[in-house]
Each structure stands twice: as structure tokens, then as C-alpha cells.
Amino acid sequence: MPSGEHWHQALLEQMANEVPGVRPAVIGGEAQTALNELRRFRHVVRNAYTYDFDLVKLETIINILPIAEAHVNKELSAFADFLEAIAQD
């Protein structure tokens, strides 16, 4: 498990990388990109109390949510299938 100031970003990177001979990537590039965009937005909101929201950027984030959800659900389901296959061996 990553630690430090950028652990969220490091975790996404780890999840998007295959570990040869151990496991496939947990999430793919599209999910990683969408989740990273949401992570960056969350960071701005949490750390800038006086931040003036760019409505175009906010609309982009809102549009990313269902895309991210679809990719993450599909990819986590595929990873769960991988784990089930290992458990049956």
C-alpha cells in the first residue's frame, strides 16, 4: 500500500499496472484516467476553500462520473473473475 503525500495517485498507478506472474492490472487506462481526473478535482475542492469553480470544468467532471463508474465496475468485475479462477485452482 502506498504512503506519503501522493498515495492516492500512486495507488491508481499500481492498480493500473500488471504484476507479471502475479496478477493482471486491476483497472485499465480509461478507468485510471477518469479516476485520476476525479482525484485531482477532489484535491482542489478539499484544499481550496475559496476556490472559484470553473463551470465548464465542473460540467466535465460531472460527465466523467458515469464513464468512470462504468469502466471501474467492468474492470473490477473482471478482476473478481480472475480472483475466483485462482481460488478454484
N, C-alpha and C. Protein backbone atom coordinates (compact mmCIF):
# COMPACT_ATOMS: atom_id res chain seq x y z
N MET A 1 0.85 -1.18 0.00
CA MET A 1 0.00 0.00 0.00
C MET A 1 0.90 1.24 0.00
N PRO A 2 0.68 2.13 -0.95
CA PRO A 2 1.49 3.35 -0.99
C PRO A 2 1.23 4.24 0.22
N SER A 3 2.22 5.05 0.51
CA SER A 3 2.06 6.01 1.60
C SER A 3 2.65 7.33 1.14
N GLY A 4 2.53 8.31 1.99
CA GLY A 4 3.08 9.62 1.67
C GLY A 4 2.05 10.56 1.10
N GLU A 5 2.52 11.69 0.69
CA GLU A 5 1.65 12.78 0.24
C GLU A 5 0.84 12.43 -1.00
N HIS A 6 1.40 11.63 -1.89
CA HIS A 6 0.73 11.33 -3.17
C HIS A 6 0.24 9.88 -3.24
N TRP A 7 -0.20 9.34 -2.09
CA TRP A 7 -0.54 7.93 -2.06
C TRP A 7 -1.73 7.59 -2.93
N HIS A 8 -2.69 8.52 -3.09
CA HIS A 8 -3.85 8.23 -3.94
C HIS A 8 -3.41 8.02 -5.40
N GLN A 9 -2.55 8.89 -5.86
CA GLN A 9 -2.05 8.80 -7.22
C GLN A 9 -1.22 7.52 -7.41
N ALA A 10 -0.37 7.22 -6.45
CA ALA A 10 0.45 6.02 -6.52
C ALA A 10 -0.41 4.76 -6.52
N LEU A 11 -1.48 4.75 -5.75
CA LEU A 11 -2.37 3.60 -5.70
C LEU A 11 -3.04 3.37 -7.06
N LEU A 12 -3.51 4.45 -7.69
CA LEU A 12 -4.09 4.31 -9.02
C LEU A 12 -3.08 3.75 -10.01
N GLU A 13 -1.85 4.24 -9.93
CA GLU A 13 -0.81 3.75 -10.83
C GLU A 13 -0.54 2.27 -10.59
N GLN A 14 -0.46 1.86 -9.33
CA GLN A 14 -0.23 0.45 -9.02
C GLN A 14 -1.38 -0.42 -9.53
N MET A 15 -2.60 0.06 -9.36
CA MET A 15 -3.76 -0.72 -9.80
C MET A 15 -3.82 -0.84 -11.32
N ALA A 16 -3.24 0.11 -12.04
CA ALA A 16 -3.28 0.10 -13.49
C ALA A 16 -2.14 -0.71 -14.10
N ASN A 17 -1.22 -1.17 -13.27
CA ASN A 17 -0.08 -1.95 -13.76
C ASN A 17 -0.26 -3.43 -13.49
N GLU A 18 0.04 -4.22 -14.50
CA GLU A 18 0.09 -5.67 -14.33
C GLU A 18 1.32 -6.02 -13.51
N VAL A 19 1.18 -7.03 -12.68
CA VAL A 19 2.33 -7.59 -11.98
C VAL A 19 2.56 -8.95 -12.62
N PRO A 20 3.52 -9.03 -13.55
CA PRO A 20 3.71 -10.27 -14.31
C PRO A 20 3.87 -11.50 -13.41
N GLY A 21 3.13 -12.53 -13.76
CA GLY A 21 3.18 -13.76 -13.00
C GLY A 21 2.38 -13.74 -11.71
N VAL A 22 1.81 -12.58 -11.36
CA VAL A 22 1.06 -12.46 -10.11
C VAL A 22 -0.40 -12.10 -10.38
N ARG A 23 -0.60 -10.98 -11.10
CA ARG A 23 -1.97 -10.53 -11.36
C ARG A 23 -2.00 -9.61 -12.57
N PRO A 24 -3.16 -9.54 -13.21
CA PRO A 24 -3.32 -8.54 -14.27
C PRO A 24 -3.54 -7.16 -13.64
N ALA A 25 -3.56 -6.15 -14.46
CA ALA A 25 -3.92 -4.82 -13.97
C ALA A 25 -5.34 -4.90 -13.40
N VAL A 26 -5.58 -4.22 -12.30
CA VAL A 26 -6.91 -4.21 -11.68
C VAL A 26 -7.83 -3.30 -12.47
N ILE A 27 -7.31 -2.16 -12.90
CA ILE A 27 -8.07 -1.23 -13.72
C ILE A 27 -7.28 -0.92 -14.98
N GLY A 28 -7.99 -0.56 -16.04
CA GLY A 28 -7.34 -0.22 -17.29
C GLY A 28 -7.07 1.26 -17.40
N GLY A 29 -6.48 1.63 -18.51
CA GLY A 29 -6.08 3.01 -18.73
C GLY A 29 -7.23 4.00 -18.70
N GLU A 30 -8.37 3.63 -19.28
CA GLU A 30 -9.51 4.56 -19.30
C GLU A 30 -10.05 4.80 -17.90
N ALA A 31 -10.14 3.76 -17.11
CA ALA A 31 -10.60 3.92 -15.73
C ALA A 31 -9.60 4.74 -14.94
N GLN A 32 -8.31 4.46 -15.14
CA GLN A 32 -7.28 5.20 -14.42
C GLN A 32 -7.34 6.68 -14.78
N THR A 33 -7.51 6.98 -16.05
CA THR A 33 -7.59 8.39 -16.48
C THR A 33 -8.78 9.08 -15.85
N ALA A 34 -9.94 8.43 -15.89
CA ALA A 34 -11.15 9.04 -15.32
C ALA A 34 -11.03 9.20 -13.81
N LEU A 35 -10.54 8.17 -13.13
CA LEU A 35 -10.39 8.25 -11.67
C LEU A 35 -9.34 9.29 -11.28
N ASN A 36 -8.30 9.42 -12.07
CA ASN A 36 -7.27 10.41 -11.76
C ASN A 36 -7.83 11.83 -11.92
N GLU A 37 -8.66 12.03 -12.92
CA GLU A 37 -9.30 13.34 -13.10
C GLU A 37 -10.20 13.67 -11.90
N LEU A 38 -10.95 12.69 -11.44
CA LEU A 38 -11.80 12.89 -10.27
C LEU A 38 -10.96 13.12 -9.02
N ARG A 39 -9.83 12.41 -8.91
CA ARG A 39 -8.93 12.58 -7.77
C ARG A 39 -8.37 14.00 -7.74
N ARG A 40 -7.95 14.50 -8.90
CA ARG A 40 -7.41 15.87 -8.96
C ARG A 40 -8.47 16.89 -8.56
N PHE A 41 -9.70 16.71 -9.04
CA PHE A 41 -10.78 17.63 -8.70
C PHE A 41 -11.05 17.60 -7.19
N ARG A 42 -11.08 16.41 -6.61
CA ARG A 42 -11.29 16.27 -5.17
C ARG A 42 -10.20 17.00 -4.39
N HIS A 43 -8.98 16.88 -4.85
CA HIS A 43 -7.86 17.55 -4.19
C HIS A 43 -8.06 19.07 -4.20
N VAL A 44 -8.47 19.61 -5.33
CA VAL A 44 -8.69 21.06 -5.43
C VAL A 44 -9.80 21.49 -4.49
N VAL A 45 -10.90 20.76 -4.48
CA VAL A 45 -12.03 21.12 -3.64
C VAL A 45 -11.68 21.04 -2.17
N ARG A 46 -10.95 20.00 -1.77
CA ARG A 46 -10.60 19.84 -0.35
C ARG A 46 -9.57 20.85 0.15
N ASN A 47 -8.76 21.36 -0.76
CA ASN A 47 -7.65 22.21 -0.35
C ASN A 47 -7.81 23.68 -0.71
N ALA A 48 -8.87 24.04 -1.35
CA ALA A 48 -9.05 25.44 -1.75
C ALA A 48 -10.46 25.89 -1.38
N TYR A 49 -10.61 26.31 -0.14
CA TYR A 49 -11.94 26.68 0.36
C TYR A 49 -12.52 27.89 -0.37
N THR A 50 -11.68 28.74 -0.90
CA THR A 50 -12.17 29.93 -1.60
C THR A 50 -12.10 29.76 -3.10
N TYR A 51 -11.96 28.54 -3.57
CA TYR A 51 -11.81 28.25 -4.99
C TYR A 51 -13.07 28.66 -5.75
N ASP A 52 -12.89 29.42 -6.82
CA ASP A 52 -14.00 29.75 -7.72
C ASP A 52 -14.10 28.62 -8.74
N PHE A 53 -15.23 27.95 -8.75
CA PHE A 53 -15.39 26.82 -9.65
C PHE A 53 -15.55 27.28 -11.09
N ASP A 54 -14.81 26.63 -11.95
CA ASP A 54 -14.94 26.82 -13.39
C ASP A 54 -16.11 25.93 -13.80
N LEU A 55 -17.20 26.53 -14.22
CA LEU A 55 -18.40 25.75 -14.53
C LEU A 55 -18.19 24.77 -15.67
N VAL A 56 -17.34 25.11 -16.62
CA VAL A 56 -17.04 24.19 -17.72
C VAL A 56 -16.30 22.97 -17.17
N LYS A 57 -15.32 23.22 -16.30
CA LYS A 57 -14.58 22.12 -15.68
C LYS A 57 -15.50 21.26 -14.81
N LEU A 58 -16.38 21.91 -14.08
CA LEU A 58 -17.33 21.18 -13.24
C LEU A 58 -18.25 20.31 -14.09
N GLU A 59 -18.69 20.82 -15.21
CA GLU A 59 -19.53 20.03 -16.12
C GLU A 59 -18.75 18.83 -16.66
N THR A 60 -17.48 19.04 -16.96
CA THR A 60 -16.63 17.94 -17.43
C THR A 60 -16.53 16.86 -16.37
N ILE A 61 -16.33 17.27 -15.13
CA ILE A 61 -16.24 16.30 -14.02
C ILE A 61 -17.56 15.54 -13.87
N ILE A 62 -18.66 16.24 -13.95
CA ILE A 62 -19.97 15.59 -13.84
C ILE A 62 -20.16 14.56 -14.95
N ASN A 63 -19.68 14.89 -16.15
CA ASN A 63 -19.81 13.96 -17.28
C ASN A 63 -18.87 12.77 -17.16
N ILE A 64 -17.77 12.94 -16.45
CA ILE A 64 -16.80 11.83 -16.26
C ILE A 64 -17.36 10.78 -15.31
N LEU A 65 -18.17 11.19 -14.35
CA LEU A 65 -18.65 10.26 -13.32
C LEU A 65 -19.27 8.98 -13.87
N PRO A 66 -20.26 9.05 -14.76
CA PRO A 66 -20.85 7.79 -15.23
C PRO A 66 -19.88 6.96 -16.07
N ILE A 67 -18.98 7.63 -16.77
CA ILE A 67 -17.97 6.92 -17.56
C ILE A 67 -17.03 6.17 -16.63
N ALA A 68 -16.56 6.87 -15.60
CA ALA A 68 -15.67 6.23 -14.62
C ALA A 68 -16.37 5.06 -13.96
N GLU A 69 -17.61 5.25 -13.56
CA GLU A 69 -18.35 4.18 -12.89
C GLU A 69 -18.46 2.95 -13.78
N ALA A 70 -18.79 3.16 -15.06
CA ALA A 70 -18.94 2.03 -15.97
C ALA A 70 -17.63 1.28 -16.14
N HIS A 71 -16.54 2.01 -16.35
CA HIS A 71 -15.24 1.37 -16.53
C HIS A 71 -14.80 0.64 -15.27
N VAL A 72 -14.93 1.30 -14.14
CA VAL A 72 -14.49 0.68 -12.88
C VAL A 72 -15.31 -0.56 -12.57
N ASN A 73 -16.62 -0.49 -12.72
CA ASN A 73 -17.46 -1.67 -12.46
C ASN A 73 -17.07 -2.83 -13.35
N LYS A 74 -16.86 -2.58 -14.65
CA LYS A 74 -16.50 -3.63 -15.59
C LYS A 74 -15.14 -4.23 -15.23
N GLU A 75 -14.19 -3.37 -14.93
CA GLU A 75 -12.83 -3.84 -14.68
C GLU A 75 -12.69 -4.54 -13.32
N LEU A 76 -13.40 -4.05 -12.32
CA LEU A 76 -13.38 -4.74 -11.02
C LEU A 76 -14.07 -6.09 -11.11
N SER A 77 -15.11 -6.16 -11.92
CA SER A 77 -15.79 -7.45 -12.12
C SER A 77 -14.85 -8.44 -12.81
N ALA A 78 -14.10 -7.98 -13.79
CA ALA A 78 -13.13 -8.84 -14.47
C ALA A 78 -12.03 -9.28 -13.50
N PHE A 79 -11.59 -8.39 -12.63
CA PHE A 79 -10.56 -8.75 -11.65
C PHE A 79 -11.12 -9.75 -10.64
N ALA A 80 -12.38 -9.57 -10.25
CA ALA A 80 -13.01 -10.54 -9.34
C ALA A 80 -13.09 -11.91 -10.00
N ASP A 81 -13.38 -11.94 -11.30
CA ASP A 81 -13.39 -13.22 -12.03
C ASP A 81 -12.00 -13.86 -12.01
N PHE A 82 -10.97 -13.03 -12.18
CA PHE A 82 -9.59 -13.53 -12.10
C PHE A 82 -9.32 -14.16 -10.74
N LEU A 83 -9.72 -13.47 -9.68
CA LEU A 83 -9.50 -13.99 -8.32
C LEU A 83 -10.28 -15.28 -8.09
N GLU A 84 -11.51 -15.35 -8.60
CA GLU A 84 -12.30 -16.58 -8.45
C GLU A 84 -11.64 -17.74 -9.18
N ALA A 85 -11.08 -17.46 -10.35
CA ALA A 85 -10.41 -18.52 -11.11
C ALA A 85 -9.19 -19.04 -10.35
N ILE A 86 -8.45 -18.15 -9.70
CA ILE A 86 -7.30 -18.56 -8.90
C ILE A 86 -7.76 -19.41 -7.72
N ALA A 87 -8.84 -18.99 -7.08
CA ALA A 87 -9.34 -19.70 -5.91
C ALA A 87 -9.78 -21.13 -6.27
N GLN A 88 -10.23 -21.32 -7.49
CA GLN A 88 -10.70 -22.64 -7.91
C GLN A 88 -9.56 -23.57 -8.31
N ASP A 89 -8.39 -23.02 -8.54
CA ASP A 89 -7.23 -23.85 -8.94
C ASP A 89 -6.67 -24.64 -7.79
